[in-house]
Amino acid sequence: MAVLAWLTSSVGKVVAKWGALAAAIGLAYWRIRESGRAAERADRAKDTLAAAVERERTHDDVSKMPDDAVRDELRRWVRHNN
């Protein structure tokens, strides 16, 4: 009962107004932050899927090549320190 009486006083009204405003700002901030996190997760998933597609394409390309061609291609990527 005392809380209700305090909230109906002039000081209580001001505190309640500012509290409601702070809660609204906090909720808006939280929703924007969560939206940003969801967008980042979607970007990461898209990049992961693109990498998997590229990996499979490369694997298919290499599996279609003759062994000698694969060996020659790999020689270009290996350092020869002799």
N, C-alpha and C. Protein backbone atom coordinates (compact mmCIF):
# COMPACT_ATOMS: atom_id res chain seq x y z
N MET A 1 0.81 -1.18 0.00
CA MET A 1 0.00 0.00 0.00
C MET A 1 0.87 1.26 0.00
N ALA A 2 1.96 1.16 0.73
CA ALA A 2 2.85 2.31 0.82
C ALA A 2 3.52 2.57 -0.54
N VAL A 3 3.80 1.50 -1.28
CA VAL A 3 4.43 1.66 -2.59
C VAL A 3 3.47 2.35 -3.54
N LEU A 4 2.21 1.97 -3.51
CA LEU A 4 1.20 2.60 -4.36
C LEU A 4 1.05 4.08 -4.01
N ALA A 5 1.06 4.38 -2.74
CA ALA A 5 0.96 5.78 -2.32
C ALA A 5 2.18 6.56 -2.79
N TRP A 6 3.35 5.96 -2.69
CA TRP A 6 4.57 6.65 -3.11
C TRP A 6 4.56 6.88 -4.63
N LEU A 7 4.08 5.87 -5.41
CA LEU A 7 4.04 6.01 -6.86
C LEU A 7 3.04 7.07 -7.31
N THR A 8 2.03 7.35 -6.51
CA THR A 8 1.06 8.38 -6.88
C THR A 8 1.51 9.77 -6.45
N SER A 9 2.58 9.87 -5.68
CA SER A 9 3.09 11.18 -5.30
C SER A 9 3.83 11.80 -6.48
N SER A 10 4.15 13.06 -6.40
CA SER A 10 4.82 13.73 -7.52
C SER A 10 6.21 13.15 -7.77
N VAL A 11 6.95 12.85 -6.72
CA VAL A 11 8.28 12.24 -6.88
C VAL A 11 8.14 10.84 -7.45
N GLY A 12 7.18 10.09 -6.98
CA GLY A 12 6.95 8.74 -7.46
C GLY A 12 6.59 8.73 -8.94
N LYS A 13 5.80 9.70 -9.37
CA LYS A 13 5.42 9.79 -10.78
C LYS A 13 6.64 10.05 -11.66
N VAL A 14 7.51 10.95 -11.19
CA VAL A 14 8.73 11.26 -11.96
C VAL A 14 9.62 10.02 -12.04
N VAL A 15 9.80 9.36 -10.91
CA VAL A 15 10.64 8.15 -10.89
C VAL A 15 10.03 7.08 -11.78
N ALA A 16 8.71 6.91 -11.74
CA ALA A 16 8.05 5.90 -12.57
C ALA A 16 8.20 6.24 -14.05
N LYS A 17 8.07 7.52 -14.40
CA LYS A 17 8.24 7.95 -15.80
C LYS A 17 9.65 7.66 -16.30
N TRP A 18 10.65 8.06 -15.51
CA TRP A 18 12.03 7.83 -15.92
C TRP A 18 12.36 6.35 -15.93
N GLY A 19 11.78 5.60 -15.02
CA GLY A 19 12.00 4.16 -15.00
C GLY A 19 11.41 3.49 -16.24
N ALA A 20 10.21 3.92 -16.63
CA ALA A 20 9.59 3.37 -17.82
C ALA A 20 10.39 3.75 -19.06
N LEU A 21 10.89 4.97 -19.11
CA LEU A 21 11.71 5.41 -20.24
C LEU A 21 13.01 4.61 -20.31
N ALA A 22 13.63 4.40 -19.16
CA ALA A 22 14.87 3.61 -19.14
C ALA A 22 14.60 2.16 -19.57
N ALA A 23 13.49 1.61 -19.13
CA ALA A 23 13.14 0.24 -19.53
C ALA A 23 12.89 0.17 -21.03
N ALA A 24 12.22 1.16 -21.61
CA ALA A 24 11.96 1.17 -23.05
C ALA A 24 13.26 1.29 -23.84
N ILE A 25 14.16 2.14 -23.38
CA ILE A 25 15.46 2.29 -24.04
C ILE A 25 16.26 0.99 -23.92
N GLY A 26 16.23 0.39 -22.75
CA GLY A 26 16.94 -0.87 -22.56
C GLY A 26 16.38 -1.97 -23.45
N LEU A 27 15.08 -2.05 -23.58
CA LEU A 27 14.45 -3.05 -24.44
C LEU A 27 14.81 -2.81 -25.91
N ALA A 28 14.78 -1.54 -26.33
CA ALA A 28 15.14 -1.22 -27.72
C ALA A 28 16.60 -1.59 -28.00
N TYR A 29 17.48 -1.27 -27.06
CA TYR A 29 18.90 -1.61 -27.22
C TYR A 29 19.08 -3.12 -27.32
N TRP A 30 18.39 -3.87 -26.45
CA TRP A 30 18.51 -5.32 -26.45
C TRP A 30 18.03 -5.91 -27.76
N ARG A 31 16.90 -5.40 -28.29
CA ARG A 31 16.37 -5.93 -29.55
C ARG A 31 17.32 -5.62 -30.72
N ILE A 32 17.89 -4.43 -30.73
CA ILE A 32 18.84 -4.07 -31.80
C ILE A 32 20.08 -4.95 -31.70
N ARG A 33 20.55 -5.17 -30.49
CA ARG A 33 21.75 -6.01 -30.29
C ARG A 33 21.48 -7.44 -30.74
N GLU A 34 20.34 -7.99 -30.37
CA GLU A 34 20.00 -9.35 -30.77
C GLU A 34 19.83 -9.45 -32.28
N SER A 35 19.28 -8.42 -32.90
CA SER A 35 19.12 -8.40 -34.35
C SER A 35 20.49 -8.42 -35.03
N GLY A 36 21.42 -7.65 -34.50
CA GLY A 36 22.79 -7.63 -35.03
C GLY A 36 23.48 -8.97 -34.87
N ARG A 37 23.27 -9.61 -33.72
CA ARG A 37 23.87 -10.93 -33.49
C ARG A 37 23.30 -11.96 -34.46
N ALA A 38 22.00 -11.89 -34.71
CA ALA A 38 21.37 -12.83 -35.65
C ALA A 38 21.90 -12.61 -37.07
N ALA A 39 22.09 -11.35 -37.44
CA ALA A 39 22.63 -11.05 -38.77
C ALA A 39 24.06 -11.56 -38.90
N GLU A 40 24.84 -11.43 -37.85
CA GLU A 40 26.22 -11.93 -37.87
C GLU A 40 26.24 -13.44 -37.99
N ARG A 41 25.36 -14.13 -37.26
CA ARG A 41 25.28 -15.59 -37.36
C ARG A 41 24.88 -16.01 -38.77
N ALA A 42 23.96 -15.27 -39.39
CA ALA A 42 23.54 -15.59 -40.76
C ALA A 42 24.70 -15.39 -41.73
N ASP A 43 25.46 -14.32 -41.56
CA ASP A 43 26.63 -14.08 -42.43
C ASP A 43 27.66 -15.19 -42.27
N ARG A 44 27.89 -15.61 -41.03
CA ARG A 44 28.85 -16.67 -40.78
C ARG A 44 28.39 -17.99 -41.41
N ALA A 45 27.10 -18.28 -41.31
CA ALA A 45 26.57 -19.50 -41.90
C ALA A 45 26.67 -19.46 -43.42
N LYS A 46 26.43 -18.27 -44.00
CA LYS A 46 26.55 -18.12 -45.45
C LYS A 46 27.99 -18.34 -45.90
N ASP A 47 28.94 -17.79 -45.16
CA ASP A 47 30.36 -17.98 -45.49
C ASP A 47 30.78 -19.44 -45.35
N THR A 48 30.28 -20.11 -44.33
CA THR A 48 30.60 -21.52 -44.12
C THR A 48 30.05 -22.36 -45.26
N LEU A 49 28.83 -22.07 -45.69
CA LEU A 49 28.23 -22.81 -46.80
C LEU A 49 28.99 -22.56 -48.09
N ALA A 50 29.39 -21.31 -48.34
CA ALA A 50 30.15 -21.00 -49.55
C ALA A 50 31.50 -21.72 -49.54
N ALA A 51 32.14 -21.80 -48.38
CA ALA A 51 33.41 -22.51 -48.29
C ALA A 51 33.22 -24.00 -48.54
N ALA A 52 32.13 -24.57 -48.04
CA ALA A 52 31.87 -26.00 -48.27
C ALA A 52 31.61 -26.27 -49.74
N VAL A 53 30.87 -25.39 -50.41
CA VAL A 53 30.61 -25.56 -51.84
C VAL A 53 31.91 -25.47 -52.62
N GLU A 54 32.75 -24.51 -52.29
CA GLU A 54 34.05 -24.36 -52.98
C GLU A 54 34.94 -25.57 -52.74
N ARG A 55 34.93 -26.09 -51.50
CA ARG A 55 35.74 -27.27 -51.18
C ARG A 55 35.27 -28.47 -52.00
N GLU A 56 33.97 -28.66 -52.10
CA GLU A 56 33.45 -29.79 -52.88
C GLU A 56 33.75 -29.63 -54.37
N ARG A 57 33.65 -28.39 -54.87
CA ARG A 57 33.97 -28.15 -56.27
C ARG A 57 35.43 -28.46 -56.55
N THR A 58 36.30 -28.02 -55.68
CA THR A 58 37.73 -28.28 -55.84
C THR A 58 38.01 -29.78 -55.76
N HIS A 59 37.38 -30.44 -54.80
CA HIS A 59 37.57 -31.89 -54.66
C HIS A 59 37.12 -32.61 -55.93
N ASP A 60 35.99 -32.21 -56.48
CA ASP A 60 35.51 -32.83 -57.72
C ASP A 60 36.46 -32.58 -58.89
N ASP A 61 36.95 -31.33 -58.98
CA ASP A 61 37.89 -31.01 -60.05
C ASP A 61 39.16 -31.85 -59.95
N VAL A 62 39.68 -31.98 -58.74
CA VAL A 62 40.91 -32.74 -58.54
C VAL A 62 40.67 -34.22 -58.80
N SER A 63 39.53 -34.74 -58.39
CA SER A 63 39.27 -36.17 -58.59
C SER A 63 39.11 -36.52 -60.07
N LYS A 64 38.78 -35.55 -60.92
CA LYS A 64 38.64 -35.79 -62.35
C LYS A 64 39.98 -35.69 -63.09
N MET A 65 41.00 -35.12 -62.42
CA MET A 65 42.30 -34.94 -63.06
C MET A 65 43.09 -36.25 -63.02
N PRO A 66 43.92 -36.48 -64.04
CA PRO A 66 44.81 -37.65 -63.98
C PRO A 66 45.87 -37.45 -62.89
N ASP A 67 46.39 -38.55 -62.41
CA ASP A 67 47.36 -38.49 -61.31
C ASP A 67 48.57 -37.63 -61.64
N ASP A 68 49.07 -37.73 -62.86
CA ASP A 68 50.25 -36.93 -63.24
C ASP A 68 49.95 -35.44 -63.17
N ALA A 69 48.77 -35.05 -63.60
CA ALA A 69 48.41 -33.63 -63.57
C ALA A 69 48.28 -33.14 -62.13
N VAL A 70 47.73 -33.97 -61.25
CA VAL A 70 47.62 -33.60 -59.83
C VAL A 70 49.01 -33.43 -59.23
N ARG A 71 49.91 -34.38 -59.55
CA ARG A 71 51.27 -34.31 -59.04
C ARG A 71 51.97 -33.04 -59.52
N ASP A 72 51.81 -32.72 -60.80
CA ASP A 72 52.43 -31.50 -61.35
C ASP A 72 51.86 -30.26 -60.68
N GLU A 73 50.56 -30.24 -60.46
CA GLU A 73 49.92 -29.08 -59.81
C GLU A 73 50.41 -28.92 -58.37
N LEU A 74 50.55 -30.02 -57.67
CA LEU A 74 51.02 -29.95 -56.28
C LEU A 74 52.48 -29.52 -56.19
N ARG A 75 53.28 -29.85 -57.18
CA ARG A 75 54.68 -29.44 -57.18
C ARG A 75 54.81 -27.92 -57.19
N ARG A 76 53.87 -27.26 -57.81
CA ARG A 76 53.91 -25.78 -57.85
C ARG A 76 53.68 -25.18 -56.46
N TRP A 77 53.05 -25.93 -55.57
CA TRP A 77 52.69 -25.41 -54.24
C TRP A 77 53.67 -25.83 -53.17
N VAL A 78 54.60 -26.72 -53.47
CA VAL A 78 55.53 -27.22 -52.48
C VAL A 78 56.87 -26.54 -52.67
N ARG A 79 57.46 -26.10 -51.58
CA ARG A 79 58.76 -25.44 -51.64
C ARG A 79 59.85 -26.50 -51.72
N HIS A 80 60.79 -26.28 -52.60
CA HIS A 80 61.92 -27.19 -52.77
C HIS A 80 63.15 -26.52 -52.15
N ASN A 81 63.61 -27.04 -51.03
CA ASN A 81 64.74 -26.44 -50.33
C ASN A 81 66.03 -27.18 -50.59
N ASN A 82 66.15 -27.88 -51.69
CA ASN A 82 67.36 -28.64 -51.97
C ASN A 82 68.38 -27.83 -52.70
